[in-house]
């Protein structure tokens, strides 16, 4: 007897299908269609990661999709915010697990993604708050033993 997939597993599979469709559309020369399906996948993964931020597979898939979207349109503050949020969530999870180097890397990634838009005068208040939060969480690297 096989176990029915959970609703979250079904949504994750739907996001994977959307990504595959996007890749196929891109290969066929339809960047607009590919972008639309990438957005659907990112939305699904965003909902999943909001429900369970510690779920590593969803985080990794979400990072892949959002990194690709930000690369397609580096001026899109909303996408930068979404990608920054994924890094912030990873940083918070790493910090809670006392993985200082990993949390610092994630917060630095978040700040690196969000701060350029803020410095260019983005009116996105949540992006500015995210950039400030991530910057405040970056702990100095411990001194190396001499």
N, C-alpha and C. Protein backbone atom coordinates (compact mmCIF):
# COMPACT_ATOMS: atom_id res chain seq x y z
N UNK A 1 0.83 -1.17 0.00
CA UNK A 1 0.00 0.00 0.00
C UNK A 1 0.89 1.24 0.00
N UNK A 2 0.68 2.16 -0.92
CA UNK A 2 1.47 3.38 -0.97
C UNK A 2 0.77 4.48 -0.19
N UNK A 3 1.60 5.32 0.37
CA UNK A 3 1.10 6.44 1.16
C UNK A 3 0.81 7.62 0.22
N UNK A 4 -0.34 8.24 0.41
CA UNK A 4 -0.67 9.42 -0.39
C UNK A 4 0.29 10.55 -0.05
N UNK A 5 0.69 11.33 -1.04
CA UNK A 5 1.58 12.45 -0.74
C UNK A 5 0.84 13.51 0.08
N UNK A 6 1.60 14.21 0.90
CA UNK A 6 1.00 15.29 1.69
C UNK A 6 0.69 16.46 0.75
N UNK A 7 -0.18 17.36 1.18
CA UNK A 7 -0.46 18.55 0.35
C UNK A 7 0.82 19.35 0.06
N UNK A 8 1.73 19.40 1.05
CA UNK A 8 2.98 20.13 0.83
C UNK A 8 3.85 19.44 -0.21
N UNK A 9 3.91 18.11 -0.17
CA UNK A 9 4.67 17.38 -1.18
C UNK A 9 4.09 17.61 -2.57
N UNK A 10 2.78 17.65 -2.63
CA UNK A 10 2.11 17.91 -3.92
C UNK A 10 2.46 19.30 -4.43
N UNK A 11 2.48 20.29 -3.54
CA UNK A 11 2.84 21.64 -3.94
C UNK A 11 4.30 21.73 -4.38
N UNK A 12 5.18 21.03 -3.68
CA UNK A 12 6.59 21.00 -4.07
C UNK A 12 6.74 20.41 -5.46
N UNK A 13 6.02 19.33 -5.73
CA UNK A 13 6.07 18.73 -7.06
C UNK A 13 5.52 19.68 -8.11
N UNK A 14 4.48 20.41 -7.78
CA UNK A 14 3.92 21.40 -8.71
C UNK A 14 4.96 22.48 -9.01
N UNK A 15 5.69 22.91 -7.99
CA UNK A 15 6.74 23.91 -8.22
C UNK A 15 7.82 23.35 -9.14
N UNK A 16 8.20 22.10 -8.93
CA UNK A 16 9.19 21.47 -9.82
C UNK A 16 8.69 21.41 -11.26
N UNK A 17 7.43 21.07 -11.42
CA UNK A 17 6.84 21.00 -12.77
C UNK A 17 6.88 22.39 -13.41
N UNK A 18 6.51 23.41 -12.64
CA UNK A 18 6.54 24.78 -13.17
C UNK A 18 7.96 25.16 -13.61
N UNK A 19 8.96 24.79 -12.81
CA UNK A 19 10.36 25.08 -13.18
C UNK A 19 10.73 24.36 -14.47
N UNK A 20 10.31 23.11 -14.61
CA UNK A 20 10.61 22.34 -15.83
C UNK A 20 9.93 22.97 -17.04
N UNK A 21 8.70 23.40 -16.88
CA UNK A 21 8.00 24.07 -17.97
C UNK A 21 8.73 25.35 -18.34
N UNK A 22 9.17 26.08 -17.33
CA UNK A 22 9.92 27.31 -17.59
C UNK A 22 11.19 27.06 -18.37
N UNK A 23 11.91 26.02 -17.99
CA UNK A 23 13.14 25.68 -18.72
C UNK A 23 12.83 25.30 -20.16
N UNK A 24 11.75 24.55 -20.38
CA UNK A 24 11.37 24.16 -21.74
C UNK A 24 10.97 25.39 -22.57
N UNK A 25 10.20 26.28 -21.97
CA UNK A 25 9.79 27.49 -22.68
C UNK A 25 11.00 28.36 -23.02
N UNK A 26 11.93 28.45 -22.09
CA UNK A 26 13.14 29.24 -22.34
C UNK A 26 13.92 28.63 -23.50
N UNK A 27 14.04 27.30 -23.53
CA UNK A 27 14.76 26.61 -24.60
C UNK A 27 14.06 26.80 -25.95
N UNK A 28 12.74 26.98 -25.92
CA UNK A 28 11.97 27.18 -27.15
C UNK A 28 11.93 28.64 -27.58
N UNK A 29 12.63 29.50 -26.83
CA UNK A 29 12.67 30.91 -27.19
C UNK A 29 11.49 31.72 -26.69
N UNK A 30 10.87 31.30 -25.61
CA UNK A 30 9.73 32.02 -25.04
C UNK A 30 10.09 32.53 -23.63
N UNK A 31 10.91 33.59 -23.55
CA UNK A 31 11.33 34.06 -22.23
C UNK A 31 10.16 34.60 -21.39
N UNK A 32 9.16 35.19 -22.01
CA UNK A 32 8.02 35.70 -21.26
C UNK A 32 7.23 34.56 -20.61
N UNK A 33 7.01 33.50 -21.36
CA UNK A 33 6.32 32.34 -20.81
C UNK A 33 7.14 31.67 -19.73
N UNK A 34 8.45 31.60 -19.94
CA UNK A 34 9.34 31.00 -18.94
C UNK A 34 9.31 31.82 -17.65
N UNK A 35 9.33 33.13 -17.79
CA UNK A 35 9.30 34.00 -16.62
C UNK A 35 7.99 33.83 -15.85
N UNK A 36 6.89 33.70 -16.55
CA UNK A 36 5.60 33.50 -15.89
C UNK A 36 5.58 32.20 -15.09
N UNK A 37 6.12 31.14 -15.65
CA UNK A 37 6.12 29.88 -14.91
C UNK A 37 7.13 29.91 -13.77
N UNK A 38 8.25 30.61 -13.95
CA UNK A 38 9.20 30.78 -12.85
C UNK A 38 8.54 31.52 -11.68
N UNK A 39 7.74 32.51 -12.02
CA UNK A 39 7.03 33.26 -10.96
C UNK A 39 6.05 32.36 -10.22
N UNK A 40 5.37 31.50 -10.95
CA UNK A 40 4.44 30.56 -10.29
C UNK A 40 5.21 29.65 -9.35
N UNK A 41 6.34 29.11 -9.81
CA UNK A 41 7.15 28.23 -8.97
C UNK A 41 7.66 28.97 -7.74
N UNK A 42 8.12 30.20 -7.93
CA UNK A 42 8.61 30.99 -6.80
C UNK A 42 7.50 31.27 -5.79
N UNK A 43 6.31 31.53 -6.27
CA UNK A 43 5.18 31.76 -5.37
C UNK A 43 4.85 30.53 -4.54
N UNK A 44 4.84 29.38 -5.18
CA UNK A 44 4.57 28.13 -4.47
C UNK A 44 5.65 27.87 -3.42
N UNK A 45 6.91 28.02 -3.83
CA UNK A 45 8.01 27.78 -2.90
C UNK A 45 8.02 28.80 -1.77
N UNK A 46 7.64 30.03 -2.07
CA UNK A 46 7.54 31.04 -1.03
C UNK A 46 6.51 30.68 0.02
N UNK A 47 5.36 30.17 -0.43
CA UNK A 47 4.32 29.74 0.51
C UNK A 47 4.80 28.56 1.36
N UNK A 48 5.48 27.62 0.72
CA UNK A 48 5.99 26.46 1.47
C UNK A 48 7.04 26.86 2.50
N UNK A 49 7.97 27.72 2.12
CA UNK A 49 9.02 28.11 3.06
C UNK A 49 8.46 28.96 4.19
N UNK A 50 7.40 29.73 3.91
CA UNK A 50 6.77 30.51 4.99
C UNK A 50 6.13 29.57 6.01
N UNK A 51 5.60 28.45 5.55
CA UNK A 51 4.96 27.48 6.46
C UNK A 51 5.99 26.70 7.27
N UNK A 52 7.12 26.40 6.67
CA UNK A 52 8.13 25.57 7.34
C UNK A 52 9.53 26.04 6.96
N UNK A 53 10.00 27.15 7.57
CA UNK A 53 11.29 27.71 7.18
C UNK A 53 12.48 26.78 7.39
N UNK A 54 12.35 25.80 8.24
CA UNK A 54 13.47 24.89 8.48
C UNK A 54 13.56 23.76 7.44
N UNK A 55 12.61 23.68 6.53
CA UNK A 55 12.59 22.61 5.53
C UNK A 55 13.66 22.92 4.47
N UNK A 56 14.80 22.26 4.57
CA UNK A 56 15.96 22.57 3.74
C UNK A 56 15.70 22.41 2.25
N UNK A 57 14.99 21.38 1.83
CA UNK A 57 14.74 21.16 0.40
C UNK A 57 13.96 22.31 -0.20
N UNK A 58 12.94 22.76 0.50
CA UNK A 58 12.15 23.88 -0.02
C UNK A 58 12.99 25.14 -0.08
N UNK A 59 13.82 25.35 0.93
CA UNK A 59 14.68 26.52 0.95
C UNK A 59 15.62 26.50 -0.26
N UNK A 60 16.29 25.33 -0.49
CA UNK A 60 17.23 25.25 -1.60
C UNK A 60 16.52 25.50 -2.93
N UNK A 61 15.35 24.87 -3.12
CA UNK A 61 14.61 25.07 -4.38
C UNK A 61 14.19 26.52 -4.53
N UNK A 62 13.74 27.13 -3.43
CA UNK A 62 13.34 28.54 -3.47
C UNK A 62 14.51 29.45 -3.79
N UNK A 63 15.67 29.16 -3.22
CA UNK A 63 16.87 29.96 -3.51
C UNK A 63 17.24 29.86 -4.98
N UNK A 64 17.16 28.66 -5.55
CA UNK A 64 17.49 28.48 -6.97
C UNK A 64 16.57 29.31 -7.86
N UNK A 65 15.28 29.24 -7.58
CA UNK A 65 14.31 29.96 -8.41
C UNK A 65 14.49 31.46 -8.26
N UNK A 66 14.58 31.93 -7.03
CA UNK A 66 14.67 33.37 -6.81
C UNK A 66 16.00 33.94 -7.30
N UNK A 67 17.07 33.18 -7.17
CA UNK A 67 18.36 33.65 -7.68
C UNK A 67 18.28 33.83 -9.19
N UNK A 68 17.63 32.90 -9.87
CA UNK A 68 17.47 33.01 -11.33
C UNK A 68 16.61 34.21 -11.69
N UNK A 69 15.53 34.44 -10.95
CA UNK A 69 14.66 35.58 -11.25
C UNK A 69 15.38 36.91 -11.03
N UNK A 70 16.13 37.01 -9.93
CA UNK A 70 16.87 38.25 -9.67
C UNK A 70 17.90 38.48 -10.77
N UNK A 71 18.53 37.42 -11.26
CA UNK A 71 19.49 37.56 -12.35
C UNK A 71 18.81 38.06 -13.62
N UNK A 72 17.57 37.64 -13.85
CA UNK A 72 16.82 38.08 -15.04
C UNK A 72 16.45 39.56 -14.96
N UNK A 73 16.14 40.03 -13.74
CA UNK A 73 15.75 41.44 -13.57
C UNK A 73 16.33 41.95 -12.25
N UNK A 74 17.60 42.37 -12.27
CA UNK A 74 18.25 42.82 -11.04
C UNK A 74 17.62 44.07 -10.42
N UNK A 75 16.78 44.77 -11.17
CA UNK A 75 16.16 45.99 -10.63
C UNK A 75 14.83 45.72 -9.95
N UNK A 76 14.39 44.48 -9.91
CA UNK A 76 13.10 44.14 -9.31
C UNK A 76 13.25 44.02 -7.79
N UNK A 77 12.82 45.05 -7.07
CA UNK A 77 12.97 45.09 -5.61
C UNK A 77 12.19 43.98 -4.92
N UNK A 78 11.04 43.63 -5.44
CA UNK A 78 10.24 42.58 -4.81
C UNK A 78 10.96 41.23 -4.88
N UNK A 79 11.57 40.93 -6.02
CA UNK A 79 12.29 39.67 -6.14
C UNK A 79 13.52 39.67 -5.24
N UNK A 80 14.21 40.82 -5.18
CA UNK A 80 15.37 40.92 -4.28
C UNK A 80 14.93 40.71 -2.83
N UNK A 81 13.77 41.26 -2.50
CA UNK A 81 13.25 41.08 -1.14
C UNK A 81 12.97 39.60 -0.88
N UNK A 82 12.34 38.93 -1.83
CA UNK A 82 12.03 37.51 -1.66
C UNK A 82 13.31 36.68 -1.49
N UNK A 83 14.31 36.95 -2.31
CA UNK A 83 15.57 36.23 -2.21
C UNK A 83 16.27 36.55 -0.89
N UNK A 84 16.24 37.82 -0.52
CA UNK A 84 16.83 38.21 0.76
C UNK A 84 16.15 37.53 1.93
N UNK A 85 14.82 37.41 1.86
CA UNK A 85 14.06 36.74 2.93
C UNK A 85 14.48 35.28 3.07
N UNK A 86 14.71 34.61 1.95
CA UNK A 86 15.15 33.22 2.01
C UNK A 86 16.50 33.11 2.72
N UNK A 87 17.41 34.02 2.39
CA UNK A 87 18.71 34.02 3.06
C UNK A 87 18.56 34.38 4.54
N UNK A 88 17.66 35.33 4.85
CA UNK A 88 17.43 35.69 6.25
C UNK A 88 16.90 34.49 7.03
N UNK A 89 15.94 33.77 6.44
CA UNK A 89 15.39 32.60 7.11
C UNK A 89 16.47 31.56 7.36
N UNK A 90 17.34 31.34 6.38
CA UNK A 90 18.44 30.41 6.56
C UNK A 90 19.39 30.90 7.65
N UNK A 91 19.63 32.21 7.67
CA UNK A 91 20.49 32.78 8.70
C UNK A 91 19.89 32.61 10.09
N UNK A 92 18.60 32.87 10.21
CA UNK A 92 17.94 32.70 11.51
C UNK A 92 17.99 31.25 11.97
N UNK A 93 17.75 30.31 11.04
CA UNK A 93 17.79 28.89 11.39
C UNK A 93 19.21 28.48 11.79
N UNK A 94 20.20 28.96 11.06
CA UNK A 94 21.59 28.63 11.39
C UNK A 94 21.99 29.22 12.74
N UNK A 95 21.53 30.43 13.00
CA UNK A 95 21.83 31.09 14.27
C UNK A 95 21.20 30.31 15.43
N UNK A 96 19.97 29.87 15.25
CA UNK A 96 19.28 29.10 16.29
C UNK A 96 20.00 27.79 16.56
N UNK A 97 20.64 27.24 15.54
CA UNK A 97 21.38 25.99 15.69
C UNK A 97 22.84 26.23 16.10
N UNK A 98 23.17 27.48 16.40
CA UNK A 98 24.53 27.87 16.82
C UNK A 98 25.58 27.61 15.75
N UNK A 99 25.19 27.72 14.49
CA UNK A 99 26.13 27.62 13.38
C UNK A 99 26.50 29.05 12.97
N UNK A 100 27.44 29.63 13.71
CA UNK A 100 27.76 31.04 13.54
C UNK A 100 28.28 31.40 12.15
N UNK A 101 29.18 30.59 11.60
CA UNK A 101 29.73 30.90 10.28
C UNK A 101 28.65 30.82 9.21
N UNK A 102 27.79 29.81 9.29
CA UNK A 102 26.70 29.67 8.31
C UNK A 102 25.71 30.81 8.43
N UNK A 103 25.38 31.20 9.65
CA UNK A 103 24.42 32.31 9.81
C UNK A 103 25.03 33.60 9.28
N UNK A 104 26.32 33.84 9.56
CA UNK A 104 26.98 35.04 9.05
C UNK A 104 26.96 35.06 7.52
N UNK A 105 27.24 33.91 6.89
CA UNK A 105 27.22 33.83 5.42
C UNK A 105 25.84 34.17 4.87
N UNK A 106 24.80 33.63 5.50
CA UNK A 106 23.43 33.88 5.02
C UNK A 106 23.04 35.35 5.21
N UNK A 107 23.37 35.92 6.36
CA UNK A 107 23.03 37.33 6.59
C UNK A 107 23.82 38.24 5.65
N UNK A 108 25.07 37.88 5.37
CA UNK A 108 25.86 38.67 4.41
C UNK A 108 25.25 38.58 3.01
N UNK A 109 24.78 37.38 2.64
CA UNK A 109 24.12 37.22 1.34
C UNK A 109 22.86 38.08 1.29
N UNK A 110 22.09 38.05 2.36
CA UNK A 110 20.86 38.85 2.43
C UNK A 110 21.18 40.34 2.27
N UNK A 111 22.16 40.81 3.03
CA UNK A 111 22.54 42.22 2.95
C UNK A 111 23.06 42.57 1.56
N UNK A 112 23.86 41.67 0.97
CA UNK A 112 24.40 41.93 -0.35
C UNK A 112 23.35 42.01 -1.44
N UNK A 113 22.25 41.33 -1.23
CA UNK A 113 21.16 41.34 -2.20
C UNK A 113 20.26 42.56 -2.01
N UNK A 114 20.01 42.92 -0.76
CA UNK A 114 19.03 43.98 -0.47
C UNK A 114 19.62 45.38 -0.42
N UNK A 115 20.82 45.51 0.11
CA UNK A 115 21.38 46.85 0.31
C UNK A 115 21.59 47.67 -0.97
N UNK A 116 22.00 47.05 -2.09
CA UNK A 116 22.16 47.86 -3.30
C UNK A 116 20.86 48.56 -3.73
N UNK A 117 19.73 47.88 -3.61
CA UNK A 117 18.45 48.51 -3.98
C UNK A 117 18.11 49.64 -3.03
N UNK A 118 18.38 49.43 -1.75
CA UNK A 118 18.08 50.46 -0.76
C UNK A 118 18.97 51.68 -1.00
N UNK A 119 20.25 51.45 -1.30
CA UNK A 119 21.17 52.57 -1.52
C UNK A 119 20.83 53.35 -2.80
N UNK A 120 20.13 52.69 -3.74
CA UNK A 120 19.70 53.37 -4.96
C UNK A 120 18.38 54.11 -4.76
N UNK A 121 17.85 54.08 -3.52
CA UNK A 121 16.64 54.84 -3.22
C UNK A 121 15.34 54.10 -3.39
N UNK A 122 15.37 52.77 -3.31
CA UNK A 122 14.14 52.01 -3.44
C UNK A 122 13.14 52.46 -2.38
N UNK A 123 11.88 52.59 -2.77
CA UNK A 123 10.82 53.00 -1.86
C UNK A 123 10.21 51.81 -1.12
N UNK A 124 10.75 50.62 -1.34
CA UNK A 124 10.23 49.41 -0.72
C UNK A 124 10.67 49.38 0.75
N UNK A 125 9.74 49.71 1.65
CA UNK A 125 10.04 49.80 3.08
C UNK A 125 10.46 48.46 3.67
N UNK A 126 9.79 47.39 3.25
CA UNK A 126 10.13 46.06 3.77
C UNK A 126 11.54 45.65 3.35
N UNK A 127 11.94 46.02 2.14
CA UNK A 127 13.29 45.73 1.67
C UNK A 127 14.31 46.45 2.55
N UNK A 128 14.05 47.72 2.87
CA UNK A 128 14.96 48.49 3.72
C UNK A 128 15.04 47.88 5.12
N UNK A 129 13.90 47.46 5.66
CA UNK A 129 13.91 46.82 6.99
C UNK A 129 14.68 45.50 6.96
N UNK A 130 14.50 44.75 5.90
CA UNK A 130 15.21 43.48 5.75
C UNK A 130 16.72 43.71 5.66
N UNK A 131 17.12 44.69 4.87
CA UNK A 131 18.54 45.01 4.73
C UNK A 131 19.13 45.40 6.08
N UNK A 132 18.43 46.23 6.83
CA UNK A 132 18.91 46.66 8.14
C UNK A 132 19.00 45.49 9.12
N UNK A 133 17.98 44.63 9.10
CA UNK A 133 17.99 43.46 9.99
C UNK A 133 19.18 42.57 9.68
N UNK A 134 19.35 42.24 8.41
CA UNK A 134 20.45 41.33 8.04
C UNK A 134 21.79 41.94 8.40
N UNK A 135 21.97 43.22 8.14
CA UNK A 135 23.23 43.88 8.48
C UNK A 135 23.46 43.82 9.99
N UNK A 136 22.41 44.00 10.78
CA UNK A 136 22.56 43.99 12.24
C UNK A 136 22.90 42.60 12.79
N UNK A 137 22.59 41.56 12.03
CA UNK A 137 22.83 40.20 12.50
C UNK A 137 24.19 39.65 12.12
N UNK A 138 24.94 40.39 11.32
CA UNK A 138 26.25 39.90 10.88
C UNK A 138 27.23 40.06 12.04
N UNK A 139 27.68 38.93 12.53
CA UNK A 139 28.63 38.94 13.64
C UNK A 139 30.03 38.91 13.07
N UNK A 140 30.95 39.58 13.75
CA UNK A 140 32.32 39.55 13.26
C UNK A 140 32.88 38.13 13.29
N UNK A 141 33.75 37.84 12.35
CA UNK A 141 34.40 36.54 12.36
C UNK A 141 35.30 36.45 13.57
N UNK A 142 35.34 35.28 14.20
CA UNK A 142 36.23 35.14 15.36
C UNK A 142 37.68 35.27 14.92
N UNK A 143 38.51 35.83 15.79
CA UNK A 143 39.93 35.96 15.41
C UNK A 143 40.56 34.59 15.21
N UNK A 144 41.43 34.52 14.22
CA UNK A 144 42.10 33.24 13.98
C UNK A 144 43.22 33.08 15.00
N UNK A 145 43.43 31.85 15.45
CA UNK A 145 44.49 31.61 16.44
C UNK A 145 45.86 31.94 15.83
N UNK A 146 46.68 32.53 16.64
CA UNK A 146 48.03 32.88 16.15
C UNK A 146 49.08 31.95 16.64
